[in-house]
């Protein structure tokens, strides 16, 4: 099963090719937020990033290819029981696909 991470397109595009990826929030959070399932990813994106301008990409991650620990942890936001958290950088080899994210006129995330 793959997991997903939503990343600002500009940050992803500027990230050095071949380097493991870390979101800007990593230092504050201590892990990389991910989700499992496309429908849940859309709910999370709209709950937390609806008002954030700009383009996003969806990183599709193969957990077996991660070298950093992956932990399934309880949700505090009520969107899901458990969320996958990566405790370290996301290896480029673990990112099996990068999808452009589509947004509606009002900023709503609608798919990829």
PDB file of N, CA and C in Angstrom:
ATOM      1  N   UNK A   1       0.837  -1.179   0.000  1.00  0.00           N
ATOM      2  CA  UNK A   1       0.000   0.000   0.000  1.00  0.00           C
ATOM      3  C   UNK A   1       0.888   1.251   0.000  1.00  0.00           C
ATOM      4  N   UNK A   2       0.543   2.195  -0.828  1.00  0.00           N
ATOM      5  CA  UNK A   2       1.284   3.447  -0.862  1.00  0.00           C
ATOM      6  C   UNK A   2       0.682   4.432   0.139  1.00  0.00           C
ATOM      7  N   UNK A   3       1.487   5.414   0.517  1.00  0.00           N
ATOM      8  CA  UNK A   3       1.025   6.516   1.346  1.00  0.00           C
ATOM      9  C   UNK A   3       1.306   7.803   0.592  1.00  0.00           C
ATOM     10  N   UNK A   4       0.693   8.899   1.046  1.00  0.00           N
ATOM     11  CA  UNK A   4       0.790  10.174   0.338  1.00  0.00           C
ATOM     12  C   UNK A   4       1.321  11.286   1.239  1.00  0.00           C
ATOM     13  N   UNK A   5       2.022  12.210   0.608  1.00  0.00           N
ATOM     14  CA  UNK A   5       2.429  13.446   1.270  1.00  0.00           C
ATOM     15  C   UNK A   5       2.133  14.607   0.330  1.00  0.00           C
ATOM     16  N   UNK A   6       1.480  15.634   0.845  1.00  0.00           N
ATOM     17  CA  UNK A   6       1.149  16.831   0.080  1.00  0.00           C
ATOM     18  C   UNK A   6       2.271  17.842   0.269  1.00  0.00           C
ATOM     19  N   UNK A   7       2.839  18.321  -0.835  1.00  0.00           N
ATOM     20  CA  UNK A   7       3.967  19.253  -0.762  1.00  0.00           C
ATOM     21  C   UNK A   7       3.714  20.468  -1.648  1.00  0.00           C
ATOM     22  N   UNK A   8       4.124  21.647  -1.199  1.00  0.00           N
ATOM     23  CA  UNK A   8       4.046  22.805  -2.082  1.00  0.00           C
ATOM     24  C   UNK A   8       4.892  22.550  -3.336  1.00  0.00           C
ATOM     25  N   UNK A   9       4.323  22.813  -4.487  1.00  0.00           N
ATOM     26  CA  UNK A   9       5.014  22.529  -5.749  1.00  0.00           C
ATOM     27  C   UNK A   9       6.336  23.282  -5.855  1.00  0.00           C
ATOM     28  N   UNK A  10       6.377  24.515  -5.368  1.00  0.00           N
ATOM     29  CA  UNK A  10       7.607  25.311  -5.449  1.00  0.00           C
ATOM     30  C   UNK A  10       8.719  24.684  -4.603  1.00  0.00           C
ATOM     31  N   UNK A  11       8.383  24.247  -3.411  1.00  0.00           N
ATOM     32  CA  UNK A  11       9.403  23.622  -2.552  1.00  0.00           C
ATOM     33  C   UNK A  11       9.915  22.334  -3.191  1.00  0.00           C
ATOM     34  N   UNK A  12       8.983  21.511  -3.683  1.00  0.00           N
ATOM     35  CA  UNK A  12       9.383  20.266  -4.332  1.00  0.00           C
ATOM     36  C   UNK A  12      10.242  20.557  -5.555  1.00  0.00           C
ATOM     37  N   UNK A  13       9.829  21.522  -6.365  1.00  0.00           N
ATOM     38  CA  UNK A  13      10.567  21.850  -7.580  1.00  0.00           C
ATOM     39  C   UNK A  13      11.961  22.394  -7.315  1.00  0.00           C
ATOM     40  N   UNK A  14      12.138  23.084  -6.186  1.00  0.00           N
ATOM     41  CA  UNK A  14      13.433  23.660  -5.833  1.00  0.00           C
ATOM     42  C   UNK A  14      14.332  22.688  -5.065  1.00  0.00           C
ATOM     43  N   UNK A  15      13.759  21.555  -4.634  1.00  0.00           N
ATOM     44  CA  UNK A  15      14.529  20.604  -3.837  1.00  0.00           C
ATOM     45  C   UNK A  15      15.595  19.957  -4.717  1.00  0.00           C
ATOM     46  N   UNK A  16      16.808  19.804  -4.209  1.00  0.00           N
ATOM     47  CA  UNK A  16      17.877  19.215  -5.025  1.00  0.00           C
ATOM     48  C   UNK A  16      17.522  17.816  -5.546  1.00  0.00           C
ATOM     49  N   UNK A  17      17.737  17.614  -6.818  1.00  0.00           N
ATOM     50  CA  UNK A  17      17.455  16.316  -7.439  1.00  0.00           C
ATOM     51  C   UNK A  17      18.275  15.231  -6.738  1.00  0.00           C
ATOM     52  N   UNK A  18      17.619  14.132  -6.439  1.00  0.00           N
ATOM     53  CA  UNK A  18      18.291  13.008  -5.809  1.00  0.00           C
ATOM     54  C   UNK A  18      18.367  13.081  -4.294  1.00  0.00           C
ATOM     55  N   UNK A  19      18.141  14.259  -3.722  1.00  0.00           N
ATOM     56  CA  UNK A  19      18.216  14.408  -2.268  1.00  0.00           C
ATOM     57  C   UNK A  19      16.918  13.949  -1.617  1.00  0.00           C
ATOM     58  N   UNK A  20      17.026  13.349  -0.453  1.00  0.00           N
ATOM     59  CA  UNK A  20      15.847  12.979   0.314  1.00  0.00           C
ATOM     60  C   UNK A  20      15.079  14.245   0.678  1.00  0.00           C
ATOM     61  N   UNK A  21      13.753  14.130   0.708  1.00  0.00           N
ATOM     62  CA  UNK A  21      12.892  15.317   0.885  1.00  0.00           C
ATOM     63  C   UNK A  21      12.447  15.495   2.334  1.00  0.00           C
ATOM     64  N   UNK A  22      12.427  16.754   2.764  1.00  0.00           N
ATOM     65  CA  UNK A  22      11.858  17.132   4.054  1.00  0.00           C
ATOM     66  C   UNK A  22      10.968  18.359   3.862  1.00  0.00           C
ATOM     67  N   UNK A  23       9.772  18.349   4.429  1.00  0.00           N
ATOM     68  CA  UNK A  23       8.918  19.524   4.363  1.00  0.00           C
ATOM     69  C   UNK A  23       9.427  20.618   5.309  1.00  0.00           C
ATOM     70  N   UNK A  24       8.981  21.831   5.094  1.00  0.00           N
ATOM     71  CA  UNK A  24       9.401  22.966   5.924  1.00  0.00           C
ATOM     72  C   UNK A  24       9.016  22.757   7.388  1.00  0.00           C
ATOM     73  N   UNK A  25       7.952  22.027   7.648  1.00  0.00           N
ATOM     74  CA  UNK A  25       7.440  21.838   9.004  1.00  0.00           C
ATOM     75  C   UNK A  25       8.181  20.753   9.790  1.00  0.00           C
ATOM     76  N   UNK A  26       9.115  20.076   9.154  1.00  0.00           N
ATOM     77  CA  UNK A  26       9.750  18.928   9.799  1.00  0.00           C
ATOM     78  C   UNK A  26      10.424  19.283  11.131  1.00  0.00           C
ATOM     79  N   UNK A  27      11.181  20.366  11.161  1.00  0.00           N
ATOM     80  CA  UNK A  27      11.890  20.720  12.397  1.00  0.00           C
ATOM     81  C   UNK A  27      10.922  20.971  13.546  1.00  0.00           C
ATOM     82  N   UNK A  28       9.799  21.604  13.258  1.00  0.00           N
ATOM     83  CA  UNK A  28       8.812  21.893  14.309  1.00  0.00           C
ATOM     84  C   UNK A  28       8.046  20.638  14.730  1.00  0.00           C
ATOM     85  N   UNK A  29       7.698  19.786  13.748  1.00  0.00           N
ATOM     86  CA  UNK A  29       6.859  18.613  14.027  1.00  0.00           C
ATOM     87  C   UNK A  29       7.661  17.376  14.435  1.00  0.00           C
ATOM     88  N   UNK A  30       8.869  17.241  13.905  1.00  0.00           N
ATOM     89  CA  UNK A  30       9.690  16.071  14.201  1.00  0.00           C
ATOM     90  C   UNK A  30       9.397  14.859  13.351  1.00  0.00           C
ATOM     91  N   UNK A  31       8.480  14.988  12.403  1.00  0.00           N
ATOM     92  CA  UNK A  31       8.142  13.907  11.491  1.00  0.00           C
ATOM     93  C   UNK A  31       7.469  14.492  10.262  1.00  0.00           C
ATOM     94  N   UNK A  32       7.305  13.660   9.235  1.00  0.00           N
ATOM     95  CA  UNK A  32       6.636  14.053   7.997  1.00  0.00           C
ATOM     96  C   UNK A  32       5.208  13.509   8.049  1.00  0.00           C
ATOM     97  N   UNK A  33       4.235  14.406   7.926  1.00  0.00           N
ATOM     98  CA  UNK A  33       2.829  14.011   7.905  1.00  0.00           C
ATOM     99  C   UNK A  33       2.504  13.323   6.584  1.00  0.00           C
ATOM    100  N   UNK A  34       1.841  12.184   6.645  1.00  0.00           N
ATOM    101  CA  UNK A  34       1.389  11.472   5.453  1.00  0.00           C
ATOM    102  C   UNK A  34      -0.041  10.987   5.687  1.00  0.00           C
ATOM    103  N   UNK A  35      -0.650  10.493   4.622  1.00  0.00           N
ATOM    104  CA  UNK A  35      -1.976   9.898   4.722  1.00  0.00           C
ATOM    105  C   UNK A  35      -1.996   8.614   3.908  1.00  0.00           C
ATOM    106  N   UNK A  36      -3.021   7.829   4.144  1.00  0.00           N
ATOM    107  CA  UNK A  36      -3.242   6.615   3.371  1.00  0.00           C
ATOM    108  C   UNK A  36      -4.625   6.730   2.738  1.00  0.00           C
ATOM    109  N   UNK A  37      -4.693   6.638   1.434  1.00  0.00           N
ATOM    110  CA  UNK A  37      -5.970   6.709   0.740  1.00  0.00           C
ATOM    111  C   UNK A  37      -6.212   8.061   0.096  1.00  0.00           C
ATOM    112  N   UNK A  38      -6.667   8.026  -1.159  1.00  0.00           N
ATOM    113  CA  UNK A  38      -6.881   9.253  -1.927  1.00  0.00           C
ATOM    114  C   UNK A  38      -7.997  10.118  -1.341  1.00  0.00           C
ATOM    115  N   UNK A  39      -9.085   9.503  -0.929  1.00  0.00           N
ATOM    116  CA  UNK A  39     -10.209  10.270  -0.386  1.00  0.00           C
ATOM    117  C   UNK A  39      -9.797  10.984   0.904  1.00  0.00           C
ATOM    118  N   UNK A  40      -9.077  10.290   1.762  1.00  0.00           N
ATOM    119  CA  UNK A  40      -8.609  10.899   3.002  1.00  0.00           C
ATOM    120  C   UNK A  40      -7.639  12.037   2.702  1.00  0.00           C
ATOM    121  N   UNK A  41      -6.788  11.863   1.695  1.00  0.00           N
ATOM    122  CA  UNK A  41      -5.839  12.922   1.350  1.00  0.00           C
ATOM    123  C   UNK A  41      -6.571  14.190   0.954  1.00  0.00           C
ATOM    124  N   UNK A  42      -7.649  14.053   0.185  1.00  0.00           N
ATOM    125  CA  UNK A  42      -8.427  15.235  -0.201  1.00  0.00           C
ATOM    126  C   UNK A  42      -9.062  15.890   1.020  1.00  0.00           C
ATOM    127  N   UNK A  43      -9.574  15.106   1.953  1.00  0.00           N
ATOM    128  CA  UNK A  43     -10.173  15.670   3.168  1.00  0.00           C
ATOM    129  C   UNK A  43      -9.123  16.410   3.999  1.00  0.00           C
ATOM    130  N   UNK A  44      -7.953  15.823   4.137  1.00  0.00           N
ATOM    131  CA  UNK A  44      -6.870  16.460   4.885  1.00  0.00           C
ATOM    132  C   UNK A  44      -6.432  17.753   4.193  1.00  0.00           C
ATOM    133  N   UNK A  45      -6.254  17.701   2.889  1.00  0.00           N
ATOM    134  CA  UNK A  45      -5.833  18.893   2.142  1.00  0.00           C
ATOM    135  C   UNK A  45      -6.831  20.028   2.321  1.00  0.00           C
ATOM    136  N   UNK A  46      -8.106  19.726   2.221  1.00  0.00           N
ATOM    137  CA  UNK A  46      -9.122  20.767   2.357  1.00  0.00           C
ATOM    138  C   UNK A  46      -9.280  21.250   3.792  1.00  0.00           C
ATOM    139  N   UNK A  47      -9.019  20.397   4.761  1.00  0.00           N
ATOM    140  CA  UNK A  47      -9.119  20.797   6.163  1.00  0.00           C
ATOM    141  C   UNK A  47      -7.966  21.706   6.588  1.00  0.00           C
ATOM    142  N   UNK A  48      -6.766  21.454   6.060  1.00  0.00           N
ATOM    143  CA  UNK A  48      -5.593  22.170   6.547  1.00  0.00           C
ATOM    144  C   UNK A  48      -4.954  23.139   5.554  1.00  0.00           C
ATOM    145  N   UNK A  49      -5.200  22.963   4.250  1.00  0.00           N
ATOM    146  CA  UNK A  49      -4.491  23.772   3.258  1.00  0.00           C
ATOM    147  C   UNK A  49      -5.413  24.533   2.306  1.00  0.00           C
ATOM    148  N   UNK A  50      -6.704  24.488   2.555  1.00  0.00           N
ATOM    149  CA  UNK A  50      -7.672  25.142   1.669  1.00  0.00           C
ATOM    150  C   UNK A  50      -7.329  26.616   1.459  1.00  0.00           C
ATOM    151  N   UNK A  51      -6.958  27.309   2.516  1.00  0.00           N
ATOM    152  CA  UNK A  51      -6.662  28.733   2.425  1.00  0.00           C
ATOM    153  C   UNK A  51      -5.233  29.060   2.052  1.00  0.00           C
ATOM    154  N   UNK A  52      -4.411  28.041   1.838  1.00  0.00           N
ATOM    155  CA  UNK A  52      -3.011  28.270   1.484  1.00  0.00           C
ATOM    156  C   UNK A  52      -2.905  28.415  -0.032  1.00  0.00           C
ATOM    157  N   UNK A  53      -2.442  29.571  -0.503  1.00  0.00           N
ATOM    158  CA  UNK A  53      -2.349  29.763  -1.952  1.00  0.00           C
ATOM    159  C   UNK A  53      -1.210  28.944  -2.560  1.00  0.00           C
ATOM    160  N   UNK A  54      -1.283  28.791  -3.864  1.00  0.00           N
ATOM    161  CA  UNK A  54      -0.206  28.140  -4.584  1.00  0.00           C
ATOM    162  C   UNK A  54      -0.536  26.734  -5.031  1.00  0.00           C
ATOM    163  N   UNK A  55       0.369  26.221  -5.847  1.00  0.00           N
ATOM    164  CA  UNK A  55       0.222  24.874  -6.380  1.00  0.00           C
ATOM    165  C   UNK A  55       0.846  23.865  -5.430  1.00  0.00           C
ATOM    166  N   UNK A  56       0.305  22.663  -5.479  1.00  0.00           N
ATOM    167  CA  UNK A  56       0.804  21.563  -4.656  1.00  0.00           C
ATOM    168  C   UNK A  56       1.032  20.346  -5.538  1.00  0.00           C
ATOM    169  N   UNK A  57       1.871  19.443  -5.030  1.00  0.00           N
ATOM    170  CA  UNK A  57       2.057  18.143  -5.661  1.00  0.00           C
ATOM    171  C   UNK A  57       1.787  17.078  -4.610  1.00  0.00           C
ATOM    172  N   UNK A  58       1.401  15.922  -5.096  1.00  0.00           N
ATOM    173  CA  UNK A  58       1.163  14.768  -4.243  1.00  0.00           C
ATOM    174  C   UNK A  58       2.314  13.796  -4.443  1.00  0.00           C
ATOM    175  N   UNK A  59       3.054  13.539  -3.377  1.00  0.00           N
ATOM    176  CA  UNK A  59       4.132  12.560  -3.437  1.00  0.00           C
ATOM    177  C   UNK A  59       3.543  11.207  -3.074  1.00  0.00           C
ATOM    178  N   UNK A  60       3.666  10.258  -3.983  1.00  0.00           N
ATOM    179  CA  UNK A  60       3.186   8.897  -3.747  1.00  0.00           C
ATOM    180  C   UNK A  60       4.392   8.099  -3.267  1.00  0.00           C
ATOM    181  N   UNK A  61       4.271   7.544  -2.056  1.00  0.00           N
ATOM    182  CA  UNK A  61       5.411   6.949  -1.371  1.00  0.00           C
ATOM    183  C   UNK A  61       5.183   5.456  -1.157  1.00  0.00           C
ATOM    184  N   UNK A  62       6.198   4.682  -1.469  1.00  0.00           N
ATOM    185  CA  UNK A  62       6.192   3.244  -1.201  1.00  0.00           C
ATOM    186  C   UNK A  62       6.883   3.039   0.150  1.00  0.00           C
ATOM    187  N   UNK A  63       6.120   2.719   1.198  1.00  0.00           N
ATOM    188  CA  UNK A  63       6.704   2.621   2.544  1.00  0.00           C
ATOM    189  C   UNK A  63       7.864   1.639   2.673  1.00  0.00           C
ATOM    190  N   UNK A  64       7.843   0.555   1.916  1.00  0.00           N
ATOM    191  CA  UNK A  64       8.926  -0.436   2.005  1.00  0.00           C
ATOM    192  C   UNK A  64      10.265   0.120   1.547  1.00  0.00           C
ATOM    193  N   UNK A  65      10.253   1.233   0.835  1.00  0.00           N
ATOM    194  CA  UNK A  65      11.495   1.827   0.333  1.00  0.00           C
ATOM    195  C   UNK A  65      12.044   2.930   1.238  1.00  0.00           C
ATOM    196  N   UNK A  66      11.335   3.243   2.308  1.00  0.00           N
ATOM    197  CA  UNK A  66      11.801   4.262   3.251  1.00  0.00           C
ATOM    198  C   UNK A  66      12.920   3.707   4.124  1.00  0.00           C
ATOM    199  N   UNK A  67      13.920   4.528   4.395  1.00  0.00           N
ATOM    200  CA  UNK A  67      14.944   4.132   5.363  1.00  0.00           C
ATOM    201  C   UNK A  67      14.639   4.728   6.733  1.00  0.00           C
ATOM    202  N   UNK A  68      13.850   5.793   6.780  1.00  0.00           N
ATOM    203  CA  UNK A  68      13.433   6.397   8.049  1.00  0.00           C
ATOM    204  C   UNK A  68      12.280   5.582   8.628  1.00  0.00           C
ATOM    205  N   UNK A  69      12.140   5.568   9.936  1.00  0.00           N
ATOM    206  CA  UNK A  69      11.037   4.832  10.559  1.00  0.00           C
ATOM    207  C   UNK A  69       9.666   5.396  10.161  1.00  0.00           C
ATOM    208  N   UNK A  70       8.728   4.509   9.927  1.00  0.00           N
ATOM    209  CA  UNK A  70       7.334   4.860   9.642  1.00  0.00           C
ATOM    210  C   UNK A  70       6.495   4.356  10.807  1.00  0.00           C
ATOM    211  N   UNK A  71       5.715   5.269  11.398  1.00  0.00           N
ATOM    212  CA  UNK A  71       4.860   4.882  12.523  1.00  0.00           C
ATOM    213  C   UNK A  71       3.431   5.297  12.217  1.00  0.00           C
ATOM    214  N   UNK A  72       2.505   4.414  12.509  1.00  0.00           N
ATOM    215  CA  UNK A  72       1.079   4.708  12.389  1.00  0.00           C
ATOM    216  C   UNK A  72       0.616   5.195  13.751  1.00  0.00           C
ATOM    217  N   UNK A  73       0.198   6.462  13.804  1.00  0.00           N
ATOM    218  CA  UNK A  73      -0.114   7.065  15.091  1.00  0.00           C
ATOM    219  C   UNK A  73      -1.529   7.628  15.122  1.00  0.00           C
ATOM    220  N   UNK A  74      -2.061   7.682  16.309  1.00  0.00           N
ATOM    221  CA  UNK A  74      -3.432   8.167  16.506  1.00  0.00           C
ATOM    222  C   UNK A  74      -3.591   9.595  16.030  1.00  0.00           C
ATOM    223  N   UNK A  75      -4.754   9.843  15.460  1.00  0.00           N
ATOM    224  CA  UNK A  75      -5.112  11.169  14.973  1.00  0.00           C
ATOM    225  C   UNK A  75      -5.726  11.970  16.113  1.00  0.00           C
ATOM    226  N   UNK A  76      -5.438  13.247  16.131  1.00  0.00           N
ATOM    227  CA  UNK A  76      -6.061  14.138  17.105  1.00  0.00           C
ATOM    228  C   UNK A  76      -7.082  15.062  16.453  1.00  0.00           C
ATOM    229  N   UNK A  77      -7.228  14.951  15.129  1.00  0.00           N
ATOM    230  CA  UNK A  77      -8.121  15.870  14.414  1.00  0.00           C
ATOM    231  C   UNK A  77      -9.452  15.241  14.007  1.00  0.00           C
ATOM    232  N   UNK A  78      -9.616  13.949  14.251  1.00  0.00           N
ATOM    233  CA  UNK A  78     -10.876  13.293  13.938  1.00  0.00           C
ATOM    234  C   UNK A  78     -11.061  12.905  12.479  1.00  0.00           C
ATOM    235  N   UNK A  79     -10.076  13.137  11.631  1.00  0.00           N
ATOM    236  CA  UNK A  79     -10.206  12.788  10.209  1.00  0.00           C
ATOM    237  C   UNK A  79      -9.974  11.299   9.953  1.00  0.00           C
ATOM    238  N   UNK A  80      -9.179  10.672  10.783  1.00  0.00           N
ATOM    239  CA  UNK A  80      -8.899   9.242  10.646  1.00  0.00           C
ATOM    240  C   UNK A  80      -8.442   8.731  12.005  1.00  0.00           C
ATOM    241  N   UNK A  81      -8.496   7.418  12.198  1.00  0.00           N
ATOM    242  CA  UNK A  81      -8.012   6.853  13.459  1.00  0.00           C
ATOM    243  C   UNK A  81      -6.500   6.922  13.552  1.00  0.00           C
ATOM    244  N   UNK A  82      -5.837   6.555  12.445  1.00  0.00           N
ATOM    245  CA  UNK A  82      -4.378   6.519  12.425  1.00  0.00           C
ATOM    246  C   UNK A  82      -3.846   7.222  11.179  1.00  0.00           C
ATOM    247  N   UNK A  83      -2.707   7.864  11.352  1.00  0.00           N
ATOM    248  CA  UNK A  83      -2.010   8.473  10.220  1.00  0.00           C
ATOM    249  C   UNK A  83      -0.584   7.951  10.180  1.00  0.00           C
ATOM    250  N   UNK A  84      -0.031   7.752   8.967  1.00  0.00           N
ATOM    251  CA  UNK A  84       1.372   7.369   8.857  1.00  0.00           C
ATOM    252  C   UNK A  84       2.269   8.595   9.015  1.00  0.00           C
ATOM    253  N   UNK A  85       3.247   8.492   9.893  1.00  0.00           N
ATOM    254  CA  UNK A  85       4.231   9.552  10.106  1.00  0.00           C
ATOM    255  C   UNK A  85       5.616   8.995   9.825  1.00  0.00           C
ATOM    256  N   UNK A  86       6.395   9.719   9.033  1.00  0.00           N
ATOM    257  CA  UNK A  86       7.754   9.306   8.683  1.00  0.00           C
ATOM    258  C   UNK A  86       8.716  10.104   9.561  1.00  0.00           C
ATOM    259  N   UNK A  87       9.506   9.406  10.361  1.00  0.00           N
ATOM    260  CA  UNK A  87      10.424  10.049  11.294  1.00  0.00           C
ATOM    261  C   UNK A  87      11.811  10.185  10.677  1.00  0.00           C
ATOM    262  N   UNK A  88      11.871  10.988   9.641  1.00  0.00           N
ATOM    263  CA  UNK A  88      13.111  11.271   8.931  1.00  0.00           C
ATOM    264  C   UNK A  88      12.778  11.667   7.512  1.00  0.00           C
ATOM    265  N   UNK A  89      13.791  11.921   6.713  1.00  0.00           N
ATOM    266  CA  UNK A  89      13.560  12.338   5.333  1.00  0.00           C
ATOM    267  C   UNK A  89      12.899  11.241   4.496  1.00  0.00           C
ATOM    268  N   UNK A  90      12.188  11.667   3.471  1.00  0.00           N
ATOM    269  CA  UNK A  90      11.584  10.738   2.513  1.00  0.00           C
ATOM    270  C   UNK A  90      12.614  10.479   1.416  1.00  0.00           C
ATOM    271  N   UNK A  91      13.080   9.260   1.333  1.00  0.00           N
ATOM    272  CA  UNK A  91      14.066   8.887   0.315  1.00  0.00           C
ATOM    273  C   UNK A  91      13.474   9.067  -1.083  1.00  0.00           C
ATOM    274  N   UNK A  92      14.277   9.565  -2.007  1.00  0.00           N
ATOM    275  CA  UNK A  92      13.812   9.699  -3.396  1.00  0.00           C
ATOM    276  C   UNK A  92      13.398   8.350  -3.969  1.00  0.00           C
ATOM    277  N   UNK A  93      14.079   7.298  -3.593  1.00  0.00           N
ATOM    278  CA  UNK A  93      13.742   5.960  -4.093  1.00  0.00           C
ATOM    279  C   UNK A  93      12.375   5.503  -3.608  1.00  0.00           C
ATOM    280  N   UNK A  94      11.884   6.097  -2.511  1.00  0.00           N
ATOM    281  CA  UNK A  94      10.570   5.725  -1.980  1.00  0.00           C
ATOM    282  C   UNK A  94       9.437   6.479  -2.674  1.00  0.00           C
ATOM    283  N   UNK A  95       9.763   7.573  -3.359  1.00  0.00           N
ATOM    284  CA  UNK A  95       8.751   8.363  -4.069  1.00  0.00           C
ATOM    285  C   UNK A  95       8.577   7.742  -5.452  1.00  0.00           C
ATOM    286  N   UNK A  96       7.466   7.038  -5.619  1.00  0.00           N
ATOM    287  CA  UNK A  96       7.247   6.287  -6.850  1.00  0.00           C
ATOM    288  C   UNK A  96       6.470   7.084  -7.890  1.00  0.00           C
ATOM    289  N   UNK A  97       5.887   8.195  -7.479  1.00  0.00           N
ATOM    290  CA  UNK A  97       5.143   9.034  -8.418  1.00  0.00           C
ATOM    291  C   UNK A  97       4.952  10.417  -7.800  1.00  0.00           C
ATOM    292  N   UNK A  98       4.946  11.434  -8.661  1.00  0.00           N
ATOM    293  CA  UNK A  98       4.638  12.805  -8.243  1.00  0.00           C
ATOM    294  C   UNK A  98       3.490  13.276  -9.117  1.00  0.00           C
ATOM    295  N   UNK A  99       2.377  13.632  -8.481  1.00  0.00           N
ATOM    296  CA  UNK A  99       1.176  14.041  -9.210  1.00  0.00           C
ATOM    297  C   UNK A  99       0.882  15.514  -8.958  1.00  0.00           C
ATOM    298  N   UNK A 100       0.531  16.235 -10.015  1.00  0.00           N
ATOM    299  CA  UNK A 100       0.069  17.614  -9.859  1.00  0.00           C
ATOM    300  C   UNK A 100      -1.308  17.583  -9.200  1.00  0.00           C
ATOM    301  N   UNK A 101      -1.542  18.481  -8.272  1.00  0.00           N
ATOM    302  CA  UNK A 101      -2.806  18.541  -7.552  1.00  0.00           C
ATOM    303  C   UNK A 101      -3.704  19.584  -8.215  1.00  0.00           C
ATOM    304  N   UNK A 102      -4.965  19.217  -8.417  1.00  0.00           N
ATOM    305  CA  UNK A 102      -5.944  20.139  -9.019  1.00  0.00           C
ATOM    306  C   UNK A 102      -6.743  20.811  -7.913  1.00  0.00           C
ATOM    307  N   UNK A 103      -6.966  22.119  -8.119  1.00  0.00           N
ATOM    308  CA  UNK A 103      -7.757  22.894  -7.167  1.00  0.00           C
ATOM    309  C   UNK A 103      -8.859  23.625  -7.916  1.00  0.00           C
ATOM    310  N   UNK A 104      -9.981  23.809  -7.228  1.00  0.00           N
ATOM    311  CA  UNK A 104     -11.082  24.578  -7.784  1.00  0.00           C
ATOM    312  C   UNK A 104     -10.812  26.067  -7.655  1.00  0.00           C
ATOM    313  N   UNK A 105     -11.696  26.854  -8.245  1.00  0.00           N
ATOM    314  CA  UNK A 105     -11.558  28.312  -8.245  1.00  0.00           C
ATOM    315  C   UNK A 105     -11.483  28.867  -6.821  1.00  0.00           C
ATOM    316  N   UNK A 106     -12.211  28.259  -5.896  1.00  0.00           N
ATOM    317  CA  UNK A 106     -12.247  28.756  -4.527  1.00  0.00           C
ATOM    318  C   UNK A 106     -11.117  28.202  -3.654  1.00  0.00           C
ATOM    319  N   UNK A 107     -10.170  27.479  -4.245  1.00  0.00           N
ATOM    320  CA  UNK A 107      -9.037  26.922  -3.507  1.00  0.00           C
ATOM    321  C   UNK A 107      -9.248  25.505  -3.038  1.00  0.00           C
ATOM    322  N   UNK A 108     -10.440  24.951  -3.256  1.00  0.00           N
ATOM    323  CA  UNK A 108     -10.722  23.586  -2.826  1.00  0.00           C
ATOM    324  C   UNK A 108      -9.868  22.586  -3.599  1.00  0.00           C
ATOM    325  N   UNK A 109      -9.333  21.620  -2.891  1.00  0.00           N
ATOM    326  CA  UNK A 109      -8.577  20.540  -3.523  1.00  0.00           C
ATOM    327  C   UNK A 109      -9.587  19.548  -4.088  1.00  0.00           C
ATOM    328  N   UNK A 110      -9.445  19.229  -5.380  1.00  0.00           N
ATOM    329  CA  UNK A 110     -10.432  18.377  -6.045  1.00  0.00           C
ATOM    330  C   UNK A 110      -9.846  17.092  -6.619  1.00  0.00           C
ATOM    331  N   UNK A 111      -8.544  16.950  -6.643  1.00  0.00           N
ATOM    332  CA  UNK A 111      -7.941  15.721  -7.172  1.00  0.00           C
ATOM    333  C   UNK A 111      -6.563  15.953  -7.719  1.00  0.00           C
ATOM    334  N   UNK A 112      -6.104  14.975  -8.510  1.00  0.00           N
ATOM    335  CA  UNK A 112      -4.765  15.037  -9.124  1.00  0.00           C
ATOM    336  C   UNK A 112      -4.776  14.293 -10.412  1.00  0.00           C
TER     337      UNK A 112
END
